[in-house]
Protein backbone atom coordinates (compact mmCIF):
# COMPACT_ATOMS: atom_id res chain seq x y z
CA UNK A 1 180.75 158.98 255.89
CA UNK A 2 180.45 159.15 252.31
CA UNK A 3 181.47 156.26 250.29
CA UNK A 4 183.32 156.45 246.94
CA UNK A 5 180.54 157.26 244.77
CA UNK A 6 179.32 160.09 246.98
CA UNK A 7 182.85 161.49 247.09
CA UNK A 8 182.99 161.40 243.31
CA UNK A 9 179.27 162.96 243.27
CA UNK A 10 180.21 165.75 245.47
CA UNK A 11 183.42 166.47 243.20
CA UNK A 12 181.36 166.38 239.97
CA UNK A 13 178.44 168.61 241.50
CA UNK A 14 180.99 171.31 242.69
CA UNK A 15 182.68 171.22 239.14
CA UNK A 16 179.25 171.68 237.77
CA UNK A 17 178.56 174.58 240.19
CA UNK A 18 181.98 176.24 239.33
CA UNK A 19 181.03 176.10 235.58
CA UNK A 20 177.84 177.90 236.19
CA UNK A 21 179.04 180.33 238.38
CA UNK A 22 182.24 181.45 236.21
CA UNK A 23 180.01 181.13 232.88
CA UNK A 24 177.38 183.55 234.46
CA UNK A 25 180.01 186.06 235.67
CA UNK A 26 181.74 185.83 232.27
CA UNK A 27 178.20 186.75 230.57
CA UNK A 28 177.98 183.37 228.65
CA UNK A 29 174.43 183.32 229.16
CA UNK A 30 173.77 186.94 227.91
CA UNK A 31 172.17 187.57 224.71
CA UNK A 32 174.82 190.11 223.58
CA UNK A 33 178.02 189.60 221.38
CA UNK A 34 180.93 187.87 223.35
CA UNK A 35 184.22 189.39 223.11
CA UNK A 36 186.96 186.94 221.74
CA UNK A 37 189.20 187.45 225.03
CA UNK A 38 186.04 186.02 226.83
CA UNK A 39 185.47 183.09 224.58
CA UNK A 40 189.36 182.30 225.12
CA UNK A 41 188.74 182.58 228.91
CA UNK A 42 185.78 180.38 228.86
CA UNK A 43 187.46 177.78 227.01
CA UNK A 44 190.48 177.82 229.09
CA UNK A 45 188.14 177.59 232.18
CA UNK A 46 186.43 174.45 230.53
CA UNK A 47 189.72 172.60 230.08
CA UNK A 48 190.69 173.27 233.69
CA UNK A 49 187.31 172.22 234.99
CA UNK A 50 187.53 169.05 232.90
CA UNK A 51 191.11 168.26 234.27
CA UNK A 52 189.78 168.75 237.81
CA UNK A 53 186.95 166.48 237.15
CA UNK A 54 189.09 163.71 235.36
CA UNK A 55 191.74 163.86 238.30
CA UNK A 56 188.97 163.57 240.89
CA UNK A 57 187.46 160.48 239.22
CA UNK A 58 190.68 158.66 238.79
CA UNK A 59 191.62 159.43 242.45
CA UNK A 60 188.44 158.30 243.80
CA UNK A 61 188.51 154.93 241.51
CA UNK A 62 191.94 154.19 242.96
CA UNK A 63 190.89 154.72 246.85
């Protein structure tokens, strides 16, 4: 079984993968001009992923 830090590492890797998939799908890595709606969406997604990572860290540290 995974220990505390293995679970934490898995959570952080999944958050990083979600970030890259969502950013790639929204066209953040393209060279063209980005619409304000997309910038707002990416900012919201980044905040959500940050909250998920922080909650995951807190839960793992209190296990």
